[in-house]
Amino acid sequence: MNVKSVEKLEKSMVALVIESNAQEFETAVEKVYKKQRGRIAVPGFRKGKAPRKIIERMYGADIFYEDAINEIYPDLFAQAVEQEKIDAVAYPEVELLEVGKEGFSFKATVAVRPEVKLGKYKGLTAAKDELKVTEKDIDGELKPYIERATQLKDVDRKAKMGDDLIIDFAGYMDGVAFDGGTATDQALVLGSNVFIPGFEEQLVGAKAGQEKEVNVTFPEDYQMEDYAGKPATFKVTVKAVREKVEPVLDDEFAKDVSEFETLAELRKDLGEKLAQRREAAAQSKFEESLLDQVTENMEVEIPEAMVEMRTQQMLDDYSQRITAQGIPFEQYLAMTGISVDMLKLQAHEGALRQVKVDLALGAIAQAEKIEVTQEDMDAECQRLADQYGMEMEKVKEIVPVADLQKDLTNQKAAAIIYDSAKVGKTPAKKAAKKTEEKAEGEKKPAAKKSTKKAEGEAEKKPAAKKTTKKAESETEKKPAAKKTTKKTVKTEE
């Protein structure tokens, strides 16, 4: 690999011209040939047995070039970035320049970490919510315990809202039973609104053993289109009417639902835990306000590509969480009627904020000459090991050292902001922000050999502790080169 030139462009962009040597390219071509030969039909040879020269003579000398370039150029770009000490912060735009038997060359244009001019970041003032827990708040915390201890008692009276019914029902449209309209021993809480609008209200006043005819109309936006907007009749048999009997709130209740001996002890514990949660929320909001002030006080021109990459990472994370719940992401999009572009639009503002915060913390770390020691790294690995129930050495194996170091550096930078701040009235936001949030310039017409962006991310590892409660300063991943498009490559003989 050879870097022929490095050119600094406007708006924190750099263009590199990179070329491979003949041996690198030949190795990549041979690798692609071995992968693909089993899928290439050559008369007189069984699939997978045709020599490479025969295939190249039959289909063209460049048959494997495109995939070979895809195979090798991301590594060449990564090597070039490391060699030239370029702090790339986005996926590069790649243009293929030349390709032949002696190798190939390409131009990679990439956004780099922009220069940040810090404003005030020490001695800031922000509002912080006052911590207050009332007896009414504790009553609310006690409700789940009461609900779990509440019993259902059969009653011989007319049903009313809030009662729990056991019913059988069969649904008909134009006198014909329809699929999914029949159930037996169905539990239904009147007023829960889990059935079609109007269904539950018509069961008010019914008694156990009574049969009722319920007439409803399916909503126009009902999920099953065949039923949407159509009238239906349900024949319902009320098998039981049950009312909720709440427990007596006394010391015996506390013993039954908790480890405490008295109701007073249980209430005290609930109040303390609620206070802790509210304090954590108030502190998080306080810190977010301080970070916002820091980013408003700094001057920086953020490449739009940097925000786009963070937006894509957020989308990838979201997709993985949906998939982890057993729902294919494409199916989720179809069910919700949401497009990928809509999700990106929704994520853009959050991505921009995270990029700003990361740039600010990086600049503070540089200004304060912050260092992360091996003891810091070991302590964080131990925390992660305890959190995930893993051996510390295993954590060290799977968590990239650079990511861990960056995250700890950001934590220390954020601590400088927080520790020097005061609680008071948050300053009014300035009318004109100093931070420029422009795109990196007008998009250039796509080159014929430009490549498309990589859409996946590396497998997630246990993340280092975030600097803020909402991960605004999450460590950025070093961008890889993008995948090339599947197009025929012109060759030089």
Protein backbone atom coordinates (compact mmCIF):
# COMPACT_ATOMS: atom_id res chain seq x y z
CA MET A 1 0.00 0.00 0.00
CA ASN A 2 1.20 3.46 -0.88
CA VAL A 3 -0.35 6.84 -0.12
CA LYS A 4 0.36 8.95 -3.19
CA SER A 5 -1.10 12.18 -1.84
CA VAL A 6 -2.98 13.76 1.08
CA GLU A 7 -4.93 16.93 0.41
CA LYS A 8 -6.68 18.99 3.08
CA LEU A 9 -10.00 20.33 1.89
CA GLU A 10 -12.49 22.83 3.29
CA LYS A 11 -14.96 22.02 6.07
CA SER A 12 -12.74 19.45 7.81
CA MET A 13 -12.41 17.14 4.82
CA VAL A 14 -9.31 15.32 3.59
CA ALA A 15 -8.73 13.56 0.27
CA LEU A 16 -6.25 10.68 0.06
CA VAL A 17 -5.06 8.97 -3.11
CA ILE A 18 -4.14 5.39 -2.22
CA GLU A 19 -2.73 2.65 -4.42
CA SER A 20 -2.22 -1.05 -3.91
CA ASN A 21 0.79 -2.93 -5.17
CA ALA A 22 0.65 -5.86 -7.57
CA GLN A 23 1.12 -8.51 -4.87
CA GLU A 24 -1.70 -7.15 -2.67
CA PHE A 25 -4.06 -7.06 -5.63
CA GLU A 26 -3.08 -10.51 -6.87
CA THR A 27 -3.67 -12.00 -3.42
CA ALA A 28 -7.14 -10.42 -3.30
CA VAL A 29 -8.02 -11.63 -6.82
CA GLU A 30 -6.92 -15.17 -5.98
CA LYS A 31 -9.03 -15.10 -2.82
CA VAL A 32 -12.11 -14.00 -4.75
CA TYR A 33 -11.49 -16.64 -7.41
CA LYS A 34 -11.47 -19.39 -4.77
CA LYS A 35 -14.71 -18.08 -3.30
CA GLN A 36 -16.55 -17.82 -6.61
CA ARG A 37 -15.24 -20.65 -8.79
CA GLY A 38 -17.90 -23.04 -7.50
CA ARG A 39 -20.61 -20.78 -8.96
CA ILE A 40 -19.07 -20.28 -12.39
CA ALA A 41 -20.02 -22.65 -15.22
CA VAL A 42 -17.21 -23.56 -17.65
CA PRO A 43 -17.81 -26.15 -20.39
CA GLY A 44 -15.67 -29.24 -19.88
CA PHE A 45 -15.13 -28.65 -16.17
CA ARG A 46 -17.16 -29.53 -13.11
CA LYS A 47 -18.21 -26.50 -11.08
CA GLY A 48 -15.38 -25.39 -8.86
CA LYS A 49 -12.72 -27.22 -10.88
CA ALA A 50 -12.05 -24.75 -13.68
CA PRO A 51 -8.62 -23.07 -13.47
CA ARG A 52 -8.60 -19.34 -12.93
CA LYS A 53 -6.88 -18.65 -16.27
CA ILE A 54 -9.59 -20.55 -18.14
CA ILE A 55 -12.32 -18.55 -16.40
CA GLU A 56 -10.53 -15.25 -17.07
CA ARG A 57 -10.01 -16.17 -20.74
CA MET A 58 -13.70 -17.05 -21.09
CA TYR A 59 -15.29 -14.20 -19.11
CA GLY A 60 -12.62 -11.52 -19.27
CA ALA A 61 -9.43 -10.80 -17.37
CA ASP A 62 -11.26 -8.43 -15.08
CA ILE A 63 -14.00 -10.83 -13.95
CA PHE A 64 -12.69 -10.90 -10.37
CA TYR A 65 -11.40 -7.32 -10.17
CA GLU A 66 -14.52 -5.66 -8.77
CA ASP A 67 -14.91 -8.09 -5.89
CA ALA A 68 -11.18 -8.12 -5.28
CA ILE A 69 -11.26 -4.35 -4.86
CA ASN A 70 -14.17 -4.71 -2.46
CA GLU A 71 -12.15 -7.30 -0.59
CA ILE A 72 -9.00 -5.26 -0.11
CA TYR A 73 -9.64 -1.55 -0.26
CA PRO A 74 -11.22 -1.12 3.23
CA ASP A 75 -8.00 -2.45 4.77
CA LEU A 76 -5.90 -0.22 2.53
CA PHE A 77 -7.91 2.79 3.61
CA ALA A 78 -7.54 1.85 7.29
CA GLN A 79 -3.78 1.44 6.87
CA ALA A 80 -3.51 4.79 5.11
CA VAL A 81 -5.48 6.60 7.81
CA GLU A 82 -3.26 5.10 10.50
CA GLN A 83 -0.05 5.83 8.59
CA GLU A 84 -0.98 9.46 7.95
CA LYS A 85 -2.38 9.89 11.47
CA ILE A 86 -5.72 11.08 10.16
CA ASP A 87 -8.57 11.19 12.69
CA ALA A 88 -11.39 10.08 10.39
CA VAL A 89 -14.86 10.54 11.87
CA ALA A 90 -17.11 9.25 9.09
CA TYR A 91 -17.28 6.76 6.26
CA PRO A 92 -15.28 7.91 3.23
CA GLU A 93 -16.55 8.65 -0.24
CA VAL A 94 -14.45 6.46 -2.51
CA GLU A 95 -13.68 6.93 -6.21
CA LEU A 96 -11.83 4.27 -8.18
CA LEU A 97 -9.12 5.85 -10.32
CA GLU A 98 -7.18 3.09 -12.06
CA VAL A 99 -7.14 -0.68 -12.08
CA GLY A 100 -4.98 -3.21 -13.89
CA LYS A 101 -2.76 -6.22 -13.39
CA GLU A 102 -0.29 -4.12 -11.43
CA GLY A 103 -2.90 -3.11 -8.87
CA PHE A 104 -5.36 -0.28 -8.49
CA SER A 105 -5.62 3.21 -7.05
CA PHE A 106 -8.52 5.08 -5.52
CA LYS A 107 -9.35 8.43 -4.00
CA ALA A 108 -10.92 8.48 -0.53
CA THR A 109 -12.52 11.71 0.66
CA VAL A 110 -13.29 11.61 4.36
CA ALA A 111 -14.40 13.92 7.15
CA VAL A 112 -11.86 14.42 9.93
CA ARG A 113 -12.31 15.60 13.48
CA PRO A 114 -12.85 19.36 13.22
CA GLU A 115 -10.95 21.94 15.22
CA VAL A 116 -12.87 23.07 18.30
CA LYS A 117 -12.51 26.48 19.89
CA LEU A 118 -13.76 26.10 23.45
CA GLY A 119 -15.71 28.76 25.26
CA LYS A 120 -16.46 28.75 28.96
CA TYR A 121 -16.76 25.26 30.43
CA LYS A 122 -15.81 25.77 34.09
CA GLY A 123 -17.89 27.50 36.74
CA LEU A 124 -21.17 27.18 34.84
CA THR A 125 -24.56 27.52 36.50
CA ALA A 126 -27.64 25.40 35.86
CA ALA A 127 -30.96 24.78 37.54
CA LYS A 128 -31.54 21.57 39.45
CA ASP A 129 -34.92 20.20 40.44
CA GLU A 130 -35.58 20.22 44.17
CA LEU A 131 -35.87 16.82 45.76
CA LYS A 132 -39.24 16.32 47.40
CA VAL A 133 -41.14 13.15 48.28
CA THR A 134 -44.65 13.47 49.75
CA GLU A 135 -46.88 10.93 51.45
CA LYS A 136 -49.02 10.96 48.32
CA ASP A 137 -45.95 10.00 46.28
CA ILE A 138 -45.33 7.06 48.60
CA ASP A 139 -48.99 6.03 48.21
CA GLY A 140 -48.30 5.81 44.49
CA GLU A 141 -45.24 3.66 45.08
CA LEU A 142 -47.35 1.36 47.26
CA LYS A 143 -49.98 0.76 44.54
CA PRO A 144 -48.17 -2.13 42.79
CA TYR A 145 -47.95 -3.98 46.11
CA ILE A 146 -51.66 -3.42 46.70
CA GLU A 147 -52.55 -4.61 43.21
CA ARG A 148 -50.55 -7.81 43.64
CA ALA A 149 -52.27 -8.52 46.95
CA THR A 150 -55.74 -7.67 45.66
CA GLN A 151 -58.09 -10.66 45.36
CA LEU A 152 -61.10 -11.28 43.13
CA LYS A 153 -64.39 -12.26 44.78
CA ASP A 154 -67.47 -13.61 42.98
CA VAL A 155 -70.48 -11.37 43.50
CA ASP A 156 -74.18 -11.91 42.85
CA ARG A 157 -75.03 -8.50 41.46
CA LYS A 158 -75.02 -6.54 38.23
CA ALA A 159 -71.63 -5.86 36.71
CA LYS A 160 -70.20 -2.37 36.87
CA MET A 161 -67.10 -0.68 35.56
CA GLY A 162 -63.98 -2.04 37.21
CA ASP A 163 -65.42 -5.52 37.70
CA ASP A 164 -63.63 -8.58 36.39
CA LEU A 165 -65.81 -10.77 34.16
CA ILE A 166 -65.36 -14.29 32.82
CA ILE A 167 -67.18 -14.59 29.50
CA ASP A 168 -67.72 -16.82 26.47
CA PHE A 169 -68.45 -15.10 23.19
CA ALA A 170 -68.98 -15.77 19.50
CA GLY A 171 -68.89 -13.06 16.83
CA TYR A 172 -70.95 -12.88 13.65
CA MET A 173 -70.99 -10.74 10.52
CA ASP A 174 -74.16 -10.90 8.45
CA GLY A 175 -75.13 -13.92 10.52
CA VAL A 176 -71.96 -15.86 9.74
CA ALA A 177 -69.28 -16.60 12.38
CA PHE A 178 -65.92 -15.07 11.52
CA ASP A 179 -62.38 -16.19 12.26
CA GLY A 180 -60.98 -15.00 15.56
CA GLY A 181 -64.38 -13.98 16.88
CA THR A 182 -64.86 -16.83 19.35
CA ALA A 183 -63.42 -17.43 22.83
CA THR A 184 -64.25 -19.27 26.03
CA ASP A 185 -63.42 -18.38 29.64
CA GLN A 186 -62.14 -15.01 28.54
CA ALA A 187 -61.21 -12.68 31.41
CA LEU A 188 -62.28 -9.08 30.85
CA VAL A 189 -62.01 -6.06 33.14
CA LEU A 190 -64.80 -3.63 32.34
CA GLY A 191 -63.28 -0.27 31.54
CA SER A 192 -59.93 -1.67 30.39
CA ASN A 193 -60.79 -0.81 26.77
CA VAL A 194 -59.06 -3.89 25.42
CA PHE A 195 -62.06 -4.92 23.32
CA ILE A 196 -63.68 -3.15 20.37
CA PRO A 197 -65.12 0.25 21.35
CA GLY A 198 -68.62 -0.19 22.74
CA PHE A 199 -68.24 -3.86 23.64
CA GLU A 200 -67.44 -3.49 27.33
CA GLU A 201 -70.02 -0.76 27.97
CA GLN A 202 -72.82 -3.07 26.81
CA LEU A 203 -71.90 -5.63 29.48
CA VAL A 204 -72.43 -3.17 32.32
CA GLY A 205 -75.50 -4.37 34.25
CA ALA A 206 -75.13 -8.04 33.28
CA LYS A 207 -75.19 -10.76 35.94
CA ALA A 208 -73.49 -14.15 36.13
CA GLY A 209 -75.34 -16.71 34.02
CA GLN A 210 -76.89 -14.06 31.77
CA GLU A 211 -76.63 -14.06 27.98
CA LYS A 212 -76.32 -10.77 26.11
CA GLU A 213 -76.14 -9.69 22.51
CA VAL A 214 -73.54 -7.03 21.87
CA ASN A 215 -73.59 -4.99 18.66
CA VAL A 216 -70.46 -3.10 17.65
CA THR A 217 -68.70 -1.71 14.59
CA PHE A 218 -65.04 -2.41 13.98
CA PRO A 219 -62.90 0.78 13.81
CA GLU A 220 -61.97 2.07 10.38
CA ASP A 221 -58.28 1.65 11.24
CA TYR A 222 -58.66 -1.89 12.58
CA GLN A 223 -55.50 -3.93 11.97
CA MET A 224 -57.39 -6.62 10.04
CA GLU A 225 -58.54 -4.84 6.91
CA ASP A 226 -61.31 -7.37 6.15
CA TYR A 227 -63.07 -6.33 9.39
CA ALA A 228 -62.32 -2.58 9.37
CA GLY A 229 -65.46 -0.44 9.47
CA LYS A 230 -67.84 -3.43 9.44
CA PRO A 231 -70.66 -4.09 11.94
CA ALA A 232 -70.62 -7.26 14.00
CA THR A 233 -72.79 -9.00 16.59
CA PHE A 234 -71.38 -10.91 19.54
CA LYS A 235 -73.37 -13.43 21.53
CA VAL A 236 -71.92 -13.24 25.02
CA THR A 237 -72.43 -15.49 28.03
CA VAL A 238 -71.39 -13.95 31.35
CA LYS A 239 -70.08 -16.84 33.44
CA ALA A 240 -68.88 -14.86 36.46
CA VAL A 241 -68.82 -11.33 37.85
CA ARG A 242 -65.99 -10.64 40.26
CA GLU A 243 -65.05 -7.55 42.21
CA LYS A 244 -61.65 -6.56 43.47
CA VAL A 245 -61.12 -6.83 47.21
CA GLU A 246 -58.10 -4.78 48.25
CA PRO A 247 -56.06 -5.81 51.30
CA VAL A 248 -56.11 -3.95 54.60
CA LEU A 249 -53.01 -1.79 54.76
CA ASP A 250 -51.44 -2.79 58.04
CA ASP A 251 -48.33 -4.49 59.38
CA GLU A 252 -49.57 -7.92 58.26
CA PHE A 253 -49.89 -6.61 54.73
CA ALA A 254 -46.28 -5.33 54.87
CA LYS A 255 -45.06 -8.75 56.05
CA ASP A 256 -46.93 -10.50 53.21
CA VAL A 257 -45.61 -8.29 50.40
CA SER A 258 -42.11 -7.37 51.56
CA GLU A 259 -39.24 -8.20 53.88
CA PHE A 260 -40.34 -5.53 56.38
CA GLU A 261 -42.16 -6.17 59.63
CA THR A 262 -44.25 -3.01 59.67
CA LEU A 263 -46.08 -0.85 57.17
CA ALA A 264 -44.12 2.17 58.40
CA GLU A 265 -40.82 0.48 57.52
CA LEU A 266 -42.10 -0.44 54.07
CA ARG A 267 -43.27 3.12 53.41
CA LYS A 268 -39.95 4.52 54.61
CA ASP A 269 -38.03 2.22 52.26
CA LEU A 270 -40.27 3.12 49.30
CA GLY A 271 -39.79 6.82 50.04
CA GLU A 272 -36.01 6.51 50.23
CA LYS A 273 -35.81 4.59 46.96
CA LEU A 274 -38.06 7.12 45.23
CA ALA A 275 -35.87 9.93 46.55
CA GLN A 276 -32.79 8.21 45.12
CA ARG A 277 -34.40 7.86 41.70
CA ARG A 278 -35.51 11.48 41.68
CA GLU A 279 -32.07 12.64 42.77
CA ALA A 280 -30.49 10.65 39.94
CA ALA A 281 -32.96 12.11 37.44
CA ALA A 282 -32.38 15.64 38.73
CA GLN A 283 -28.60 15.20 38.54
CA SER A 284 -28.85 13.84 35.01
CA LYS A 285 -30.97 16.80 33.91
CA PHE A 286 -28.53 19.19 35.64
CA GLU A 287 -25.57 17.63 33.82
CA GLU A 288 -27.39 17.71 30.47
CA SER A 289 -28.01 21.42 30.93
CA LEU A 290 -24.32 22.00 31.64
CA LEU A 291 -23.28 20.05 28.55
CA ASP A 292 -25.69 22.08 26.44
CA GLN A 293 -24.07 25.27 27.71
CA VAL A 294 -20.60 23.96 26.89
CA THR A 295 -21.58 23.10 23.31
CA GLU A 296 -23.32 26.47 22.89
CA ASN A 297 -20.18 28.26 24.08
CA MET A 298 -17.80 26.50 21.69
CA GLU A 299 -17.05 27.26 18.05
CA VAL A 300 -16.80 24.36 15.61
CA GLU A 301 -17.80 23.50 12.06
CA ILE A 302 -19.26 20.00 12.16
CA PRO A 303 -19.04 17.91 8.98
CA GLU A 304 -22.48 16.62 8.11
CA ALA A 305 -20.94 13.23 7.33
CA MET A 306 -20.00 12.95 11.00
CA VAL A 307 -23.63 13.42 12.02
CA GLU A 308 -24.82 11.04 9.32
CA MET A 309 -22.55 8.29 10.61
CA ARG A 310 -23.76 8.74 14.19
CA THR A 311 -27.36 8.71 12.95
CA GLN A 312 -26.70 5.42 11.13
CA GLN A 313 -25.12 3.95 14.26
CA MET A 314 -28.20 4.90 16.28
CA LEU A 315 -30.42 3.30 13.64
CA ASP A 316 -28.32 0.13 13.69
CA ASP A 317 -28.59 -0.02 17.49
CA TYR A 318 -32.38 0.41 17.27
CA SER A 319 -32.63 -2.30 14.62
CA GLN A 320 -30.66 -4.72 16.78
CA ARG A 321 -32.90 -4.05 19.79
CA ILE A 322 -36.03 -4.72 17.73
CA THR A 323 -34.53 -7.89 16.25
CA ALA A 324 -33.50 -9.06 19.74
CA GLN A 325 -37.20 -9.01 20.66
CA GLY A 326 -37.88 -11.61 17.97
CA ILE A 327 -39.25 -9.20 15.34
CA PRO A 328 -37.39 -8.91 12.02
CA PHE A 329 -36.64 -5.22 11.49
CA GLU A 330 -38.20 -5.13 8.00
CA GLN A 331 -41.36 -6.65 9.44
CA TYR A 332 -41.39 -4.07 12.23
CA LEU A 333 -41.17 -1.26 9.68
CA ALA A 334 -44.06 -2.74 7.70
CA MET A 335 -46.20 -3.16 10.83
CA THR A 336 -45.64 0.39 12.04
CA GLY A 337 -45.71 2.09 8.67
CA ILE A 338 -42.39 3.80 9.46
CA SER A 339 -39.60 4.07 6.90
CA VAL A 340 -35.86 4.03 7.48
CA ASP A 341 -35.70 7.63 6.27
CA MET A 342 -38.30 8.64 8.86
CA LEU A 343 -36.29 6.97 11.63
CA LYS A 344 -33.13 8.72 10.46
CA LEU A 345 -34.93 12.05 10.46
CA GLN A 346 -36.14 11.43 14.02
CA ALA A 347 -32.64 10.42 15.16
CA HIS A 348 -30.80 13.31 13.49
CA GLU A 349 -31.22 15.85 16.29
CA GLY A 350 -30.05 13.41 18.95
CA ALA A 351 -27.12 12.36 16.78
CA LEU A 352 -26.09 15.99 16.30
CA ARG A 353 -26.19 16.59 20.05
CA GLN A 354 -24.06 13.53 20.75
CA VAL A 355 -21.50 14.62 18.17
CA LYS A 356 -21.34 18.10 19.72
CA VAL A 357 -20.86 16.73 23.22
CA ASP A 358 -18.17 14.31 22.10
CA LEU A 359 -16.26 17.08 20.32
CA ALA A 360 -16.52 19.35 23.35
CA LEU A 361 -15.32 16.69 25.78
CA GLY A 362 -12.45 15.75 23.48
CA ALA A 363 -11.35 19.37 23.31
CA ILE A 364 -11.58 19.74 27.10
CA ALA A 365 -9.53 16.59 27.59
CA GLN A 366 -6.85 18.03 25.31
CA ALA A 367 -6.91 21.43 26.99
CA GLU A 368 -6.71 19.91 30.47
CA LYS A 369 -4.08 17.34 29.41
CA ILE A 370 -6.22 14.54 30.81
CA GLU A 371 -4.57 11.13 31.03
CA VAL A 372 -6.09 7.72 31.64
CA THR A 373 -3.91 5.40 33.70
CA GLN A 374 -3.73 1.63 33.60
CA GLU A 375 -5.31 1.64 37.07
CA ASP A 376 -8.27 3.55 35.59
CA MET A 377 -8.59 0.98 32.81
CA ASP A 378 -8.41 -1.96 35.20
CA ALA A 379 -11.01 -0.43 37.52
CA GLU A 380 -13.43 0.11 34.62
CA CYS A 381 -12.89 -3.43 33.33
CA GLN A 382 -13.64 -4.74 36.82
CA ARG A 383 -16.83 -2.66 36.95
CA LEU A 384 -17.93 -4.07 33.60
CA ALA A 385 -17.04 -7.58 34.73
CA ASP A 386 -19.19 -7.18 37.82
CA GLN A 387 -22.04 -5.68 35.80
CA TYR A 388 -22.11 -8.44 33.19
CA GLY A 389 -21.15 -11.32 35.50
CA MET A 390 -17.94 -12.00 33.57
CA GLU A 391 -14.30 -12.55 34.33
CA MET A 392 -12.26 -9.36 34.19
CA GLU A 393 -9.78 -10.87 31.72
CA LYS A 394 -12.65 -11.77 29.38
CA VAL A 395 -13.84 -8.16 29.44
CA LYS A 396 -10.34 -7.01 28.50
CA GLU A 397 -10.41 -9.37 25.53
CA ILE A 398 -13.68 -8.12 24.05
CA VAL A 399 -13.65 -4.39 24.88
CA PRO A 400 -11.37 -2.43 22.51
CA VAL A 401 -8.68 -0.63 24.48
CA ALA A 402 -9.00 2.55 22.41
CA ASP A 403 -12.76 2.74 22.98
CA LEU A 404 -12.38 2.17 26.71
CA GLN A 405 -9.64 4.77 26.98
CA LYS A 406 -11.66 7.31 25.00
CA ASP A 407 -14.73 6.78 27.16
CA LEU A 408 -12.79 7.16 30.40
CA THR A 409 -11.14 10.30 29.04
CA ASN A 410 -14.58 11.75 28.30
CA GLN A 411 -15.75 10.86 31.80
CA LYS A 412 -12.87 12.79 33.32
CA ALA A 413 -13.50 15.76 31.03
CA ALA A 414 -17.18 15.78 31.98
CA ALA A 415 -16.26 15.61 35.66
CA ILE A 416 -14.35 18.89 35.27
CA ILE A 417 -17.54 20.53 34.02
CA TYR A 418 -19.78 19.02 36.70
CA ASP A 419 -17.46 19.49 39.68
CA SER A 420 -16.90 23.18 38.96
CA ALA A 421 -20.58 23.95 38.29
CA LYS A 422 -23.04 25.66 40.61
CA VAL A 423 -26.74 25.16 41.13
CA GLY A 424 -28.74 28.21 40.24
CA LYS A 425 -30.71 29.76 37.43
CA THR A 426 -29.81 28.43 33.99
CA PRO A 427 -28.64 31.27 31.70
CA ALA A 428 -30.97 32.12 28.83
CA LYS A 429 -29.92 30.60 25.54
CA LYS A 430 -28.18 32.88 23.11
CA ALA A 431 -30.10 33.93 20.03
CA ALA A 432 -27.30 32.98 17.67
CA LYS A 433 -25.30 29.86 18.36
CA LYS A 434 -21.59 29.92 17.73
CA THR A 435 -21.48 26.29 16.77
CA GLU A 436 -21.93 25.89 13.05
CA GLU A 437 -24.03 22.89 12.09
CA LYS A 438 -23.69 23.17 8.36
CA ALA A 439 -23.26 20.24 6.05
CA GLU A 440 -19.83 19.64 4.70
CA GLY A 441 -20.78 21.43 1.49
CA GLU A 442 -22.86 20.62 -1.52
CA LYS A 443 -22.75 17.01 -2.53
CA LYS A 444 -20.57 16.29 -5.52
CA PRO A 445 -22.01 14.27 -8.38
CA ALA A 446 -21.39 10.62 -7.59
CA ALA A 447 -18.38 9.27 -9.46
CA LYS A 448 -18.97 6.27 -11.67
CA LYS A 449 -16.80 4.13 -9.48
CA SER A 450 -17.85 5.59 -6.13
CA THR A 451 -18.82 3.11 -3.51
CA LYS A 452 -21.81 2.95 -1.23
CA LYS A 453 -21.71 3.20 2.53
CA ALA A 454 -21.31 0.28 4.82
CA GLU A 455 -24.61 -0.31 6.54
CA GLY A 456 -23.63 -2.70 9.30
CA GLU A 457 -21.66 -2.30 12.51
CA ALA A 458 -19.35 -4.60 14.37
CA GLU A 459 -20.94 -6.91 16.89
CA LYS A 460 -21.72 -5.02 20.06
CA LYS A 461 -19.47 -5.53 23.07
CA PRO A 462 -20.22 -4.57 26.68
CA ALA A 463 -19.98 -0.79 26.49
CA ALA A 464 -17.82 1.21 28.84
CA LYS A 465 -19.65 3.35 31.36
CA LYS A 466 -21.22 6.33 29.62
CA THR A 467 -20.16 9.83 30.58
CA THR A 468 -23.74 10.97 31.00
CA LYS A 469 -26.89 9.14 31.94
CA LYS A 470 -28.16 9.19 28.37
CA ALA A 471 -24.91 8.30 26.61
CA GLU A 472 -24.45 11.69 24.99
CA SER A 473 -20.71 11.24 25.05
CA GLU A 474 -20.60 7.71 23.78
CA THR A 475 -17.27 6.80 22.25
CA GLU A 476 -17.30 7.11 18.47
CA LYS A 477 -16.33 4.04 16.51
CA LYS A 478 -13.49 4.46 14.04
CA PRO A 479 -15.19 4.41 10.64
CA ALA A 480 -14.39 1.68 8.19
CA ALA A 481 -14.33 2.16 4.47
CA LYS A 482 -17.56 1.65 2.60
CA LYS A 483 -18.46 -1.27 0.36
CA THR A 484 -18.03 -0.75 -3.35
CA THR A 485 -20.95 -1.01 -5.71
CA LYS A 486 -21.27 -3.96 -8.04
CA LYS A 487 -20.31 -2.34 -11.34
CA THR A 488 -18.11 -3.43 -14.20
CA VAL A 489 -14.61 -2.06 -13.79
CA LYS A 490 -12.66 -0.80 -16.75
CA THR A 491 -9.23 -2.31 -16.97
CA GLU A 492 -5.91 -1.27 -18.33
CA GLU A 493 -4.03 -3.77 -20.31
